[in-house]
Amino acid sequence: MPTIALTGNFGTGKTSVLELFQKLGAYTFNIDCFVHEIHTKPETISTMTEILGDSILHEGPKGPCTDKKRIAEIIFNDPEKRRAVEKIIHPAVMRMVVETESRISRENPSALIMFEVPLLYEAGYDKYFEKVIVVYCKRDIVLERLAKKGVSRDDALKRLDAQMPITRKIKRGDYVIDNSEDIKKTEKKVAKIFRELTL
């Protein structure tokens, strides 16, 4: 079975689409969970502090840890610092992806394994996956959905502007899912792609 990357831009509903694939039987993983784990490692905390300063630290239940909200505020206003942070986080994430894929493939060679990778193309990670699914959504709907989650318009636009335009991602994807409409229509698109991938 091919290993799949599911990507798209901020606020397009990638995680919801990933959950639909999981319900159909795919092994699914959210890269954000890997990133969270990486952020708890002492070596990551030390290096990130050197780059971004002590303001990114706060006291967690097990000692000092990084404040991802503060990190986002800094790196989405400073492209150079964003690139420096990506050089730390991205390789560590891909090591975890490879380890996860190897483990599941040994246990179940016919498994369909899918990873949600928001910065797939920006980080050059598409070469690690056999197929790519791009989730997109109309921009006004993205901003509306993010506003309901408490994300300001300015913050949403900064994050969107820091990512590759969704039109370019759509052209490069093997499959495309328009998540602008109701969930039932998205479910049908997901089911069709799942059938094609598991034939």
Protein backbone atom coordinates (compact mmCIF):
# COMPACT_ATOMS: atom_id res chain seq x y z
CA MET A 1 0.00 0.00 0.00
CA PRO A 2 1.24 3.52 -0.70
CA THR A 3 2.08 5.88 2.13
CA ILE A 4 -0.05 8.99 1.77
CA ALA A 5 0.49 12.60 2.72
CA LEU A 6 -2.59 14.72 3.30
CA THR A 7 -1.90 18.43 3.06
CA GLY A 8 -3.51 21.81 2.52
CA ASN A 9 -3.30 25.28 3.96
CA PHE A 10 -4.21 26.65 7.36
CA GLY A 11 -7.92 26.34 8.12
CA THR A 12 -8.93 24.11 5.20
CA GLY A 13 -10.17 21.28 7.43
CA LYS A 14 -7.34 18.79 6.95
CA THR A 15 -7.80 17.15 10.34
CA SER A 16 -11.52 16.58 9.74
CA VAL A 17 -10.75 14.93 6.40
CA LEU A 18 -8.04 12.80 8.04
CA GLU A 19 -10.60 11.55 10.56
CA LEU A 20 -12.89 10.48 7.70
CA PHE A 21 -10.10 8.35 6.24
CA GLN A 22 -9.47 6.85 9.67
CA LYS A 23 -13.13 5.80 9.95
CA LEU A 24 -12.73 3.91 6.67
CA GLY A 25 -9.75 1.95 8.01
CA ALA A 26 -6.65 3.99 7.23
CA TYR A 27 -3.87 4.33 9.80
CA THR A 28 -3.79 8.08 10.31
CA PHE A 29 -1.36 10.39 12.07
CA ASN A 30 -1.41 14.12 12.67
CA ILE A 31 2.06 15.59 12.31
CA ASP A 32 1.13 18.22 14.91
CA CYS A 33 1.23 15.44 17.52
CA PHE A 34 4.78 14.60 16.46
CA VAL A 35 5.71 18.29 16.64
CA HIS A 36 4.25 18.52 20.15
CA GLU A 37 6.40 15.59 21.27
CA ILE A 38 9.51 17.11 19.71
CA HIS A 39 8.83 20.40 21.54
CA THR A 40 9.00 18.60 24.90
CA LYS A 41 12.54 17.28 24.35
CA PRO A 42 15.26 19.12 26.32
CA GLU A 43 17.55 19.44 23.29
CA THR A 44 14.74 21.07 21.28
CA ILE A 45 13.89 23.47 24.10
CA SER A 46 17.54 24.49 24.42
CA THR A 47 18.06 25.11 20.68
CA MET A 48 14.76 26.92 20.23
CA THR A 49 15.56 29.22 23.15
CA GLU A 50 18.91 30.10 21.58
CA ILE A 51 17.13 31.13 18.37
CA LEU A 52 13.97 32.79 19.73
CA GLY A 53 14.85 33.89 23.26
CA ASP A 54 13.55 33.08 26.74
CA SER A 55 10.11 34.55 26.04
CA ILE A 56 9.10 31.23 24.42
CA LEU A 57 9.48 29.36 27.72
CA HIS A 58 6.83 28.70 30.30
CA GLU A 59 6.55 26.36 33.24
CA GLY A 60 4.81 23.09 32.43
CA PRO A 61 3.81 20.23 34.74
CA LYS A 62 7.20 18.56 34.17
CA GLY A 63 9.35 21.69 34.11
CA PRO A 64 10.20 24.31 31.48
CA CYS A 65 8.63 23.82 28.04
CA THR A 66 8.05 25.86 24.93
CA ASP A 67 4.99 28.01 24.37
CA LYS A 68 3.91 27.18 20.81
CA LYS A 69 1.59 30.19 20.63
CA ARG A 70 4.48 32.53 21.46
CA ILE A 71 6.73 30.73 18.97
CA ALA A 72 4.08 31.19 16.26
CA GLU A 73 3.84 34.92 17.04
CA ILE A 74 7.59 35.29 16.53
CA ILE A 75 8.20 33.11 13.48
CA PHE A 76 5.21 34.30 11.46
CA ASN A 77 6.57 37.83 11.78
CA ASP A 78 10.19 36.91 11.07
CA PRO A 79 10.84 34.66 8.01
CA GLU A 80 14.49 34.13 8.92
CA LYS A 81 13.64 32.82 12.37
CA ARG A 82 10.85 30.71 10.88
CA ARG A 83 13.34 29.01 8.55
CA ALA A 84 15.75 28.43 11.44
CA VAL A 85 13.01 26.76 13.49
CA GLU A 86 11.90 24.65 10.52
CA LYS A 87 15.46 23.32 10.15
CA ILE A 88 15.17 21.96 13.68
CA ILE A 89 11.63 20.64 13.65
CA HIS A 90 11.20 19.25 10.12
CA PRO A 91 14.03 16.65 10.12
CA ALA A 92 12.92 15.39 13.54
CA VAL A 93 9.35 15.05 12.28
CA MET A 94 10.41 13.06 9.22
CA ARG A 95 12.44 10.66 11.36
CA MET A 96 9.29 9.95 13.35
CA VAL A 97 7.27 9.51 10.13
CA VAL A 98 9.75 6.93 8.78
CA GLU A 99 9.83 5.07 12.10
CA THR A 100 6.02 4.97 12.28
CA GLU A 101 5.66 3.81 8.69
CA SER A 102 8.23 1.03 9.17
CA ARG A 103 6.58 -0.23 12.35
CA ILE A 104 3.06 -0.40 10.88
CA SER A 105 4.22 -1.93 7.60
CA ARG A 106 5.92 -4.74 9.51
CA GLU A 107 2.74 -5.42 11.48
CA ASN A 108 0.35 -5.03 8.53
CA PRO A 109 1.92 -4.97 5.04
CA SER A 110 -1.44 -4.09 3.43
CA ALA A 111 -2.04 -1.06 5.69
CA LEU A 112 -2.95 2.28 4.17
CA ILE A 113 -0.88 4.79 6.15
CA MET A 114 -1.72 8.48 5.99
CA PHE A 115 0.01 11.48 7.54
CA GLU A 116 -1.36 15.00 7.79
CA VAL A 117 1.58 17.20 6.75
CA PRO A 118 0.62 20.90 6.55
CA LEU A 119 4.02 22.10 5.21
CA LEU A 120 4.57 19.16 2.88
CA TYR A 121 5.69 21.12 -0.16
CA GLU A 122 7.27 24.02 1.70
CA ALA A 123 9.62 21.61 3.49
CA GLY A 124 10.24 19.43 0.43
CA TYR A 125 8.76 16.36 2.12
CA ASP A 126 6.54 15.30 -0.77
CA LYS A 127 9.39 13.09 -2.05
CA TYR A 128 8.93 10.83 1.00
CA PHE A 129 5.35 9.91 0.05
CA GLU A 130 3.94 7.88 -2.83
CA LYS A 131 0.72 9.87 -3.10
CA VAL A 132 -0.47 13.29 -1.98
CA ILE A 133 -4.02 14.40 -1.17
CA VAL A 134 -4.60 18.16 -1.13
CA VAL A 135 -7.50 19.56 0.89
CA TYR A 136 -8.64 23.04 -0.01
CA CYS A 137 -11.41 25.41 0.91
CA LYS A 138 -12.58 28.78 -0.39
CA ARG A 139 -10.62 31.57 1.31
CA ASP A 140 -13.64 33.41 2.72
CA ILE A 141 -14.88 30.16 4.29
CA VAL A 142 -11.42 29.46 5.73
CA LEU A 143 -11.36 32.89 7.39
CA GLU A 144 -14.91 32.43 8.67
CA ARG A 145 -14.13 29.02 10.19
CA LEU A 146 -10.92 30.26 11.79
CA ALA A 147 -12.72 33.26 13.27
CA LYS A 148 -15.15 30.87 14.97
CA LYS A 149 -12.12 29.15 16.53
CA GLY A 150 -10.86 32.46 17.89
CA VAL A 151 -8.17 33.14 15.27
CA SER A 152 -8.05 36.80 14.31
CA ARG A 153 -8.19 37.76 10.65
CA ASP A 154 -4.68 39.28 10.84
CA ASP A 155 -3.18 36.12 12.37
CA ALA A 156 -4.98 33.92 9.85
CA LEU A 157 -3.74 35.97 6.91
CA LYS A 158 -0.15 35.96 8.20
CA ARG A 159 -0.20 32.18 8.45
CA LEU A 160 -1.79 31.75 5.05
CA ASP A 161 0.69 34.14 3.45
CA ALA A 162 3.59 32.17 4.95
CA GLN A 163 2.44 29.02 3.13
CA MET A 164 2.64 28.06 -0.52
CA PRO A 165 -0.48 29.27 -2.38
CA ILE A 166 -3.13 26.56 -2.34
CA THR A 167 -3.48 26.81 -6.14
CA ARG A 168 0.08 25.54 -6.52
CA LYS A 169 -0.54 22.69 -4.08
CA ILE A 170 -3.66 21.66 -5.99
CA LYS A 171 -1.65 21.40 -9.21
CA ARG A 172 0.92 19.16 -7.55
CA GLY A 173 -1.45 16.84 -5.67
CA ASP A 174 -2.48 13.38 -6.87
CA TYR A 175 -5.95 13.83 -5.37
CA VAL A 176 -7.84 17.01 -4.49
CA ILE A 177 -10.69 17.41 -2.01
CA ASP A 178 -12.80 20.58 -1.97
CA ASN A 179 -13.86 20.93 1.67
CA SER A 180 -15.87 24.13 1.17
CA GLU A 181 -19.27 22.46 1.30
CA ASP A 182 -21.13 20.28 3.78
CA ILE A 183 -19.56 17.23 5.42
CA LYS A 184 -21.68 14.73 3.46
CA LYS A 185 -20.14 15.85 0.17
CA THR A 186 -16.67 15.63 1.67
CA GLU A 187 -17.42 12.12 2.94
CA LYS A 188 -18.32 10.99 -0.58
CA LYS A 189 -15.07 12.38 -2.00
CA VAL A 190 -13.06 10.70 0.76
CA ALA A 191 -14.78 7.34 0.19
CA LYS A 192 -14.05 7.49 -3.55
CA ILE A 193 -10.35 8.21 -2.99
CA PHE A 194 -10.11 5.51 -0.31
CA ARG A 195 -11.54 2.93 -2.73
CA GLU A 196 -9.04 3.92 -5.41
CA LEU A 197 -6.10 3.73 -3.01
CA THR A 198 -7.05 0.32 -1.61
CA LEU A 199 -7.93 -1.51 -4.82
